């Protein structure tokens, strides 16, 4: 895998973790909110943040992960086939 793709993957994971932390913090503020209007506003902010996070995962993180895993799957398959040949010929 090219170094640039690896760095991009690390950046995406770092951003996803930051998003998840922000979601946790938004949930905590919701739990502490007694005012219905404030709760509703914060809830909508949380929902929008989660929607954006899911969109980022579906459009960037998951496709890149699928590509990387597919590459490794091919490597693993080759190694297993080689090992199978060794076992059958021994």
PDB file of N, CA and C in Angstrom:
ATOM      1  N   UNK A   1       0.840  -1.166   0.000  1.00  0.00           N
ATOM      2  CA  UNK A   1       0.000   0.000   0.000  1.00  0.00           C
ATOM      3  C   UNK A   1       0.888   1.233   0.000  1.00  0.00           C
ATOM      4  N   UNK A   2       0.562   2.205  -0.833  1.00  0.00           N
ATOM      5  CA  UNK A   2       1.367   3.415  -0.860  1.00  0.00           C
ATOM      6  C   UNK A   2       1.307   4.144   0.477  1.00  0.00           C
ATOM      7  N   UNK A   3       2.416   4.818   0.787  1.00  0.00           N
ATOM      8  CA  UNK A   3       2.508   5.528   2.064  1.00  0.00           C
ATOM      9  C   UNK A   3       1.418   6.585   2.191  1.00  0.00           C
ATOM     10  N   UNK A   4       1.094   7.242   1.083  1.00  0.00           N
ATOM     11  CA  UNK A   4       0.068   8.287   1.105  1.00  0.00           C
ATOM     12  C   UNK A   4      -1.285   7.711   1.531  1.00  0.00           C
ATOM     13  N   UNK A   5      -1.630   6.538   1.032  1.00  0.00           N
ATOM     14  CA  UNK A   5      -2.892   5.898   1.402  1.00  0.00           C
ATOM     15  C   UNK A   5      -2.887   5.518   2.882  1.00  0.00           C
ATOM     16  N   UNK A   6      -1.749   5.058   3.371  1.00  0.00           N
ATOM     17  CA  UNK A   6      -1.631   4.700   4.783  1.00  0.00           C
ATOM     18  C   UNK A   6      -1.832   5.934   5.659  1.00  0.00           C
ATOM     19  N   UNK A   7      -1.222   7.044   5.287  1.00  0.00           N
ATOM     20  CA  UNK A   7      -1.375   8.288   6.046  1.00  0.00           C
ATOM     21  C   UNK A   7      -2.821   8.776   5.989  1.00  0.00           C
ATOM     22  N   UNK A   8      -3.455   8.640   4.845  1.00  0.00           N
ATOM     23  CA  UNK A   8      -4.857   9.031   4.704  1.00  0.00           C
ATOM     24  C   UNK A   8      -5.734   8.175   5.613  1.00  0.00           C
ATOM     25  N   UNK A   9      -5.462   6.891   5.671  1.00  0.00           N
ATOM     26  CA  UNK A   9      -6.214   5.996   6.546  1.00  0.00           C
ATOM     27  C   UNK A   9      -6.051   6.377   8.006  1.00  0.00           C
ATOM     28  N   UNK A  10      -4.829   6.685   8.408  1.00  0.00           N
ATOM     29  CA  UNK A  10      -4.591   7.104   9.788  1.00  0.00           C
ATOM     30  C   UNK A  10      -5.328   8.399  10.104  1.00  0.00           C
ATOM     31  N   UNK A  11      -5.336   9.311   9.152  1.00  0.00           N
ATOM     32  CA  UNK A  11      -6.046  10.578   9.352  1.00  0.00           C
ATOM     33  C   UNK A  11      -7.539  10.325   9.515  1.00  0.00           C
ATOM     34  N   UNK A  12      -8.094   9.459   8.662  1.00  0.00           N
ATOM     35  CA  UNK A  12      -9.523   9.165   8.737  1.00  0.00           C
ATOM     36  C   UNK A  12      -9.890   8.519  10.071  1.00  0.00           C
ATOM     37  N   UNK A  13      -9.069   7.618  10.540  1.00  0.00           N
ATOM     38  CA  UNK A  13      -9.331   6.962  11.831  1.00  0.00           C
ATOM     39  C   UNK A  13      -9.236   7.979  12.962  1.00  0.00           C
ATOM     40  N   UNK A  14      -8.237   8.837  12.907  1.00  0.00           N
ATOM     41  CA  UNK A  14      -8.072   9.868  13.932  1.00  0.00           C
ATOM     42  C   UNK A  14      -9.309  10.776  13.973  1.00  0.00           C
ATOM     43  N   UNK A  15      -9.792  11.179  12.804  1.00  0.00           N
ATOM     44  CA  UNK A  15     -10.981  12.034  12.743  1.00  0.00           C
ATOM     45  C   UNK A  15     -12.221  11.289  13.242  1.00  0.00           C
ATOM     46  N   UNK A  16     -12.330  10.013  12.920  1.00  0.00           N
ATOM     47  CA  UNK A  16     -13.474   9.223  13.382  1.00  0.00           C
ATOM     48  C   UNK A  16     -13.476   9.123  14.903  1.00  0.00           C
ATOM     49  N   UNK A  17     -12.313   8.937  15.482  1.00  0.00           N
ATOM     50  CA  UNK A  17     -12.227   8.877  16.952  1.00  0.00           C
ATOM     51  C   UNK A  17     -12.611  10.207  17.580  1.00  0.00           C
ATOM     52  N   UNK A  18     -12.190  11.301  16.957  1.00  0.00           N
ATOM     53  CA  UNK A  18     -12.571  12.626  17.466  1.00  0.00           C
ATOM     54  C   UNK A  18     -14.085  12.806  17.378  1.00  0.00           C
ATOM     55  N   UNK A  19     -14.665  12.386  16.265  1.00  0.00           N
ATOM     56  CA  UNK A  19     -16.119  12.460  16.108  1.00  0.00           C
ATOM     57  C   UNK A  19     -16.827  11.652  17.190  1.00  0.00           C
ATOM     58  N   UNK A  20     -16.337  10.460  17.457  1.00  0.00           N
ATOM     59  CA  UNK A  20     -16.959   9.611  18.468  1.00  0.00           C
ATOM     60  C   UNK A  20     -16.858  10.254  19.854  1.00  0.00           C
ATOM     61  N   UNK A  21     -15.745  10.910  20.144  1.00  0.00           N
ATOM     62  CA  UNK A  21     -15.600  11.609  21.420  1.00  0.00           C
ATOM     63  C   UNK A  21     -16.590  12.758  21.507  1.00  0.00           C
ATOM     64  N   UNK A  22     -16.767  13.472  20.415  1.00  0.00           N
ATOM     65  CA  UNK A  22     -17.721  14.576  20.417  1.00  0.00           C
ATOM     66  C   UNK A  22     -19.140  14.066  20.641  1.00  0.00           C
ATOM     67  N   UNK A  23     -19.472  12.932  20.055  1.00  0.00           N
ATOM     68  CA  UNK A  23     -20.791  12.342  20.258  1.00  0.00           C
ATOM     69  C   UNK A  23     -20.982  11.987  21.730  1.00  0.00           C
ATOM     70  N   UNK A  24     -19.980  11.389  22.341  1.00  0.00           N
ATOM     71  CA  UNK A  24     -20.066  11.059  23.768  1.00  0.00           C
ATOM     72  C   UNK A  24     -20.317  12.315  24.599  1.00  0.00           C
ATOM     73  N   UNK A  25     -19.600  13.381  24.276  1.00  0.00           N
ATOM     74  CA  UNK A  25     -19.755  14.630  25.020  1.00  0.00           C
ATOM     75  C   UNK A  25     -21.148  15.226  24.811  1.00  0.00           C
ATOM     76  N   UNK A  26     -21.660  15.158  23.585  1.00  0.00           N
ATOM     77  CA  UNK A  26     -23.007  15.660  23.320  1.00  0.00           C
ATOM     78  C   UNK A  26     -24.053  14.851  24.084  1.00  0.00           C
ATOM     79  N   UNK A  27     -23.870  13.567  24.160  1.00  0.00           N
ATOM     80  CA  UNK A  27     -24.796  12.715  24.919  1.00  0.00           C
ATOM     81  C   UNK A  27     -24.757  13.082  26.397  1.00  0.00           C
ATOM     82  N   UNK A  28     -23.564  13.318  26.913  1.00  0.00           N
ATOM     83  CA  UNK A  28     -23.441  13.723  28.316  1.00  0.00           C
ATOM     84  C   UNK A  28     -24.181  15.031  28.580  1.00  0.00           C
ATOM     85  N   UNK A  29     -24.070  15.990  27.661  1.00  0.00           N
ATOM     86  CA  UNK A  29     -24.785  17.256  27.871  1.00  0.00           C
ATOM     87  C   UNK A  29     -26.290  17.048  27.799  1.00  0.00           C
ATOM     88  N   UNK A  30     -26.726  16.126  26.956  1.00  0.00           N
ATOM     89  CA  UNK A  30     -28.156  15.811  26.900  1.00  0.00           C
ATOM     90  C   UNK A  30     -28.646  15.255  28.229  1.00  0.00           C
ATOM     91  N   UNK A  31     -27.866  14.393  28.821  1.00  0.00           N
ATOM     92  CA  UNK A  31     -28.255  13.767  30.081  1.00  0.00           C
ATOM     93  C   UNK A  31     -28.358  14.786  31.207  1.00  0.00           C
ATOM     94  N   UNK A  32     -27.640  15.884  31.080  1.00  0.00           N
ATOM     95  CA  UNK A  32     -27.631  16.903  32.126  1.00  0.00           C
ATOM     96  C   UNK A  32     -28.647  18.020  31.875  1.00  0.00           C
ATOM     97  N   UNK A  33     -29.385  17.924  30.767  1.00  0.00           N
ATOM     98  CA  UNK A  33     -30.297  19.003  30.373  1.00  0.00           C
ATOM     99  C   UNK A  33     -31.712  18.733  30.859  1.00  0.00           C
ATOM    100  N   UNK A  34     -32.254  19.713  31.585  1.00  0.00           N
ATOM    101  CA  UNK A  34     -33.625  19.611  32.085  1.00  0.00           C
ATOM    102  C   UNK A  34     -34.610  20.401  31.230  1.00  0.00           C
ATOM    103  N   UNK A  35     -34.133  21.450  30.610  1.00  0.00           N
ATOM    104  CA  UNK A  35     -34.992  22.331  29.806  1.00  0.00           C
ATOM    105  C   UNK A  35     -35.338  21.649  28.477  1.00  0.00           C
ATOM    106  N   UNK A  36     -36.620  21.512  28.191  1.00  0.00           N
ATOM    107  CA  UNK A  36     -37.061  20.805  26.988  1.00  0.00           C
ATOM    108  C   UNK A  36     -36.576  21.461  25.700  1.00  0.00           C
ATOM    109  N   UNK A  37     -36.610  22.765  25.626  1.00  0.00           N
ATOM    110  CA  UNK A  37     -36.182  23.464  24.411  1.00  0.00           C
ATOM    111  C   UNK A  37     -34.688  23.286  24.180  1.00  0.00           C
ATOM    112  N   UNK A  38     -33.921  23.395  25.247  1.00  0.00           N
ATOM    113  CA  UNK A  38     -32.468  23.204  25.140  1.00  0.00           C
ATOM    114  C   UNK A  38     -32.176  21.755  24.774  1.00  0.00           C
ATOM    115  N   UNK A  39     -32.897  20.823  25.389  1.00  0.00           N
ATOM    116  CA  UNK A  39     -32.707  19.409  25.085  1.00  0.00           C
ATOM    117  C   UNK A  39     -32.963  19.150  23.605  1.00  0.00           C
ATOM    118  N   UNK A  40     -34.063  19.685  23.091  1.00  0.00           N
ATOM    119  CA  UNK A  40     -34.398  19.470  21.687  1.00  0.00           C
ATOM    120  C   UNK A  40     -33.320  20.029  20.759  1.00  0.00           C
ATOM    121  N   UNK A  41     -32.826  21.209  21.061  1.00  0.00           N
ATOM    122  CA  UNK A  41     -31.781  21.817  20.232  1.00  0.00           C
ATOM    123  C   UNK A  41     -30.504  20.976  20.270  1.00  0.00           C
ATOM    124  N   UNK A  42     -30.136  20.532  21.457  1.00  0.00           N
ATOM    125  CA  UNK A  42     -28.928  19.709  21.577  1.00  0.00           C
ATOM    126  C   UNK A  42     -29.115  18.343  20.918  1.00  0.00           C
ATOM    127  N   UNK A  43     -30.317  17.806  21.027  1.00  0.00           N
ATOM    128  CA  UNK A  43     -30.598  16.525  20.388  1.00  0.00           C
ATOM    129  C   UNK A  43     -30.463  16.629  18.877  1.00  0.00           C
ATOM    130  N   UNK A  44     -30.988  17.716  18.306  1.00  0.00           N
ATOM    131  CA  UNK A  44     -30.860  17.916  16.856  1.00  0.00           C
ATOM    132  C   UNK A  44     -29.395  18.096  16.452  1.00  0.00           C
ATOM    133  N   UNK A  45     -28.622  18.776  17.283  1.00  0.00           N
ATOM    134  CA  UNK A  45     -27.188  18.930  17.015  1.00  0.00           C
ATOM    135  C   UNK A  45     -26.503  17.565  17.045  1.00  0.00           C
ATOM    136  N   UNK A  46     -26.874  16.742  18.019  1.00  0.00           N
ATOM    137  CA  UNK A  46     -26.312  15.387  18.115  1.00  0.00           C
ATOM    138  C   UNK A  46     -26.679  14.568  16.885  1.00  0.00           C
ATOM    139  N   UNK A  47     -27.951  14.616  16.512  1.00  0.00           N
ATOM    140  CA  UNK A  47     -28.401  13.864  15.338  1.00  0.00           C
ATOM    141  C   UNK A  47     -27.646  14.300  14.078  1.00  0.00           C
ATOM    142  N   UNK A  48     -27.479  15.599  13.892  1.00  0.00           N
ATOM    143  CA  UNK A  48     -26.753  16.101  12.722  1.00  0.00           C
ATOM    144  C   UNK A  48     -25.301  15.634  12.740  1.00  0.00           C
ATOM    145  N   UNK A  49     -24.695  15.654  13.916  1.00  0.00           N
ATOM    146  CA  UNK A  49     -23.303  15.220  14.038  1.00  0.00           C
ATOM    147  C   UNK A  49     -23.172  13.732  13.705  1.00  0.00           C
ATOM    148  N   UNK A  50     -24.087  12.931  14.202  1.00  0.00           N
ATOM    149  CA  UNK A  50     -24.061  11.491  13.922  1.00  0.00           C
ATOM    150  C   UNK A  50     -24.283  11.245  12.430  1.00  0.00           C
ATOM    151  N   UNK A  51     -25.220  11.971  11.826  1.00  0.00           N
ATOM    152  CA  UNK A  51     -25.456  11.828  10.382  1.00  0.00           C
ATOM    153  C   UNK A  51     -24.194  12.134   9.578  1.00  0.00           C
ATOM    154  N   UNK A  52     -23.484  13.188   9.959  1.00  0.00           N
ATOM    155  CA  UNK A  52     -22.253  13.556   9.267  1.00  0.00           C
ATOM    156  C   UNK A  52     -21.180  12.488   9.466  1.00  0.00           C
ATOM    157  N   UNK A  53     -21.113  11.952  10.659  1.00  0.00           N
ATOM    158  CA  UNK A  53     -20.135  10.905  10.953  1.00  0.00           C
ATOM    159  C   UNK A  53     -20.412   9.655  10.119  1.00  0.00           C
ATOM    160  N   UNK A  54     -21.662   9.256  10.057  1.00  0.00           N
ATOM    161  CA  UNK A  54     -22.044   8.078   9.275  1.00  0.00           C
ATOM    162  C   UNK A  54     -21.734   8.300   7.799  1.00  0.00           C
ATOM    163  N   UNK A  55     -22.030   9.480   7.311  1.00  0.00           N
ATOM    164  CA  UNK A  55     -21.733   9.814   5.911  1.00  0.00           C
ATOM    165  C   UNK A  55     -20.231   9.690   5.634  1.00  0.00           C
ATOM    166  N   UNK A  56     -19.406  10.199   6.551  1.00  0.00           N
ATOM    167  CA  UNK A  56     -17.951  10.109   6.379  1.00  0.00           C
ATOM    168  C   UNK A  56     -17.503   8.658   6.373  1.00  0.00           C
ATOM    169  N   UNK A  57     -18.070   7.847   7.263  1.00  0.00           N
ATOM    170  CA  UNK A  57     -17.698   6.431   7.288  1.00  0.00           C
ATOM    171  C   UNK A  57     -18.076   5.743   5.989  1.00  0.00           C
ATOM    172  N   UNK A  58     -19.286   5.990   5.519  1.00  0.00           N
ATOM    173  CA  UNK A  58     -19.765   5.303   4.326  1.00  0.00           C
ATOM    174  C   UNK A  58     -19.048   5.738   3.058  1.00  0.00           C
ATOM    175  N   UNK A  59     -18.630   6.989   3.003  1.00  0.00           N
ATOM    176  CA  UNK A  59     -18.025   7.486   1.767  1.00  0.00           C
ATOM    177  C   UNK A  59     -16.503   7.445   1.761  1.00  0.00           C
ATOM    178  N   UNK A  60     -15.878   7.419   2.935  1.00  0.00           N
ATOM    179  CA  UNK A  60     -14.412   7.473   2.971  1.00  0.00           C
ATOM    180  C   UNK A  60     -13.798   6.299   3.717  1.00  0.00           C
ATOM    181  N   UNK A  61     -14.191   6.098   4.947  1.00  0.00           N
ATOM    182  CA  UNK A  61     -13.515   5.109   5.791  1.00  0.00           C
ATOM    183  C   UNK A  61     -13.787   3.687   5.326  1.00  0.00           C
ATOM    184  N   UNK A  62     -15.055   3.332   5.161  1.00  0.00           N
ATOM    185  CA  UNK A  62     -15.390   1.958   4.796  1.00  0.00           C
ATOM    186  C   UNK A  62     -14.849   1.556   3.424  1.00  0.00           C
ATOM    187  N   UNK A  63     -14.973   2.413   2.397  1.00  0.00           N
ATOM    188  CA  UNK A  63     -14.400   2.017   1.103  1.00  0.00           C
ATOM    189  C   UNK A  63     -12.885   1.803   1.157  1.00  0.00           C
ATOM    190  N   UNK A  64     -12.187   2.662   1.901  1.00  0.00           N
ATOM    191  CA  UNK A  64     -10.735   2.491   2.002  1.00  0.00           C
ATOM    192  C   UNK A  64     -10.407   1.215   2.767  1.00  0.00           C
ATOM    193  N   UNK A  65     -11.138   0.956   3.845  1.00  0.00           N
ATOM    194  CA  UNK A  65     -10.905  -0.267   4.619  1.00  0.00           C
ATOM    195  C   UNK A  65     -11.179  -1.505   3.757  1.00  0.00           C
ATOM    196  N   UNK A  66     -12.242  -1.469   2.982  1.00  0.00           N
ATOM    197  CA  UNK A  66     -12.564  -2.605   2.112  1.00  0.00           C
ATOM    198  C   UNK A  66     -11.445  -2.839   1.103  1.00  0.00           C
ATOM    199  N   UNK A  67     -10.899  -1.768   0.570  1.00  0.00           N
ATOM    200  CA  UNK A  67      -9.805  -1.895  -0.395  1.00  0.00           C
ATOM    201  C   UNK A  67      -8.560  -2.505   0.258  1.00  0.00           C
ATOM    202  N   UNK A  68      -8.205  -1.996   1.415  1.00  0.00           N
ATOM    203  CA  UNK A  68      -7.020  -2.496   2.122  1.00  0.00           C
ATOM    204  C   UNK A  68      -7.215  -3.960   2.507  1.00  0.00           C
ATOM    205  N   UNK A  69      -8.372  -4.278   3.056  1.00  0.00           N
ATOM    206  CA  UNK A  69      -8.635  -5.653   3.467  1.00  0.00           C
ATOM    207  C   UNK A  69      -8.661  -6.602   2.277  1.00  0.00           C
ATOM    208  N   UNK A  70      -9.202  -6.137   1.159  1.00  0.00           N
ATOM    209  CA  UNK A  70      -9.223  -6.976  -0.046  1.00  0.00           C
ATOM    210  C   UNK A  70      -7.804  -7.295  -0.488  1.00  0.00           C
ATOM    211  N   UNK A  71      -6.925  -6.313  -0.405  1.00  0.00           N
ATOM    212  CA  UNK A  71      -5.526  -6.536  -0.770  1.00  0.00           C
ATOM    213  C   UNK A  71      -4.900  -7.578   0.142  1.00  0.00           C
ATOM    214  N   UNK A  72      -5.142  -7.469   1.424  1.00  0.00           N
ATOM    215  CA  UNK A  72      -4.588  -8.436   2.373  1.00  0.00           C
ATOM    216  C   UNK A  72      -5.236  -9.807   2.217  1.00  0.00           C
ATOM    217  N   UNK A  73      -6.498  -9.835   1.866  1.00  0.00           N
ATOM    218  CA  UNK A  73      -7.178 -11.104   1.664  1.00  0.00           C
ATOM    219  C   UNK A  73      -6.523 -11.894   0.533  1.00  0.00           C
ATOM    220  N   UNK A  74      -6.155 -11.198  -0.518  1.00  0.00           N
ATOM    221  CA  UNK A  74      -5.468 -11.858  -1.625  1.00  0.00           C
ATOM    222  C   UNK A  74      -4.125 -12.430  -1.171  1.00  0.00           C
ATOM    223  N   UNK A  75      -3.395 -11.667  -0.374  1.00  0.00           N
ATOM    224  CA  UNK A  75      -2.103 -12.125   0.137  1.00  0.00           C
ATOM    225  C   UNK A  75      -2.280 -13.355   1.028  1.00  0.00           C
ATOM    226  N   UNK A  76      -3.259 -13.308   1.895  1.00  0.00           N
ATOM    227  CA  UNK A  76      -3.523 -14.434   2.793  1.00  0.00           C
ATOM    228  C   UNK A  76      -3.935 -15.664   2.002  1.00  0.00           C
ATOM    229  N   UNK A  77      -4.754 -15.471   0.991  1.00  0.00           N
ATOM    230  CA  UNK A  77      -5.190 -16.591   0.156  1.00  0.00           C
ATOM    231  C   UNK A  77      -4.001 -17.261  -0.510  1.00  0.00           C
ATOM    232  N   UNK A  78      -3.097 -16.473  -1.044  1.00  0.00           N
ATOM    233  CA  UNK A  78      -1.900 -17.025  -1.687  1.00  0.00           C
ATOM    234  C   UNK A  78      -1.069 -17.809  -0.679  1.00  0.00           C
ATOM    235  N   UNK A  79      -0.875 -17.246   0.505  1.00  0.00           N
ATOM    236  CA  UNK A  79      -0.089 -17.933   1.533  1.00  0.00           C
ATOM    237  C   UNK A  79      -0.746 -19.250   1.950  1.00  0.00           C
ATOM    238  N   UNK A  80      -2.054 -19.249   2.090  1.00  0.00           N
ATOM    239  CA  UNK A  80      -2.755 -20.480   2.459  1.00  0.00           C
ATOM    240  C   UNK A  80      -2.666 -21.535   1.361  1.00  0.00           C
ATOM    241  N   UNK A  81      -2.759 -21.101   0.124  1.00  0.00           N
ATOM    242  CA  UNK A  81      -2.647 -22.049  -0.983  1.00  0.00           C
ATOM    243  C   UNK A  81      -1.243 -22.658  -1.034  1.00  0.00           C
ATOM    244  N   UNK A  82      -0.234 -21.834  -0.797  1.00  0.00           N
ATOM    245  CA  UNK A  82       1.136 -22.346  -0.770  1.00  0.00           C
ATOM    246  C   UNK A  82       1.321 -23.341   0.367  1.00  0.00           C
ATOM    247  N   UNK A  83       0.772 -23.003   1.518  1.00  0.00           N
ATOM    248  CA  UNK A  83       0.891 -23.910   2.673  1.00  0.00           C
ATOM    249  C   UNK A  83       0.164 -25.223   2.408  1.00  0.00           C
ATOM    250  N   UNK A  84      -0.992 -25.150   1.776  1.00  0.00           N
ATOM    251  CA  UNK A  84      -1.761 -26.362   1.438  1.00  0.00           C
ATOM    252  C   UNK A  84      -0.933 -27.262   0.511  1.00  0.00           C
ATOM    253  N   UNK A  85      -0.263 -26.676  -0.477  1.00  0.00           N
ATOM    254  CA  UNK A  85       0.569 -27.453  -1.373  1.00  0.00           C
ATOM    255  C   UNK A  85       1.705 -28.142  -0.598  1.00  0.00           C
ATOM    256  N   UNK A  86       2.303 -27.395   0.348  1.00  0.00           N
ATOM    257  CA  UNK A  86       3.384 -27.970   1.166  1.00  0.00           C
ATOM    258  C   UNK A  86       2.872 -29.166   1.968  1.00  0.00           C
ATOM    259  N   UNK A  87       1.712 -29.027   2.549  1.00  0.00           N
ATOM    260  CA  UNK A  87       1.164 -30.100   3.365  1.00  0.00           C
ATOM    261  C   UNK A  87       0.825 -31.312   2.506  1.00  0.00           C
ATOM    262  N   UNK A  88       0.250 -31.084   1.350  1.00  0.00           N
ATOM    263  CA  UNK A  88      -0.151 -32.189   0.477  1.00  0.00           C
ATOM    264  C   UNK A  88       1.055 -32.924  -0.129  1.00  0.00           C
ATOM    265  N   UNK A  89       2.154 -32.212  -0.302  1.00  0.00           N
ATOM    266  CA  UNK A  89       3.337 -32.858  -0.901  1.00  0.00           C
ATOM    267  C   UNK A  89       4.268 -33.441   0.136  1.00  0.00           C
ATOM    268  N   UNK A  90       4.019 -33.244   1.412  1.00  0.00           N
ATOM    269  CA  UNK A  90       4.916 -33.789   2.418  1.00  0.00           C
ATOM    270  C   UNK A  90       4.454 -35.144   2.919  1.00  0.00           C
TER     271      UNK A  90
END
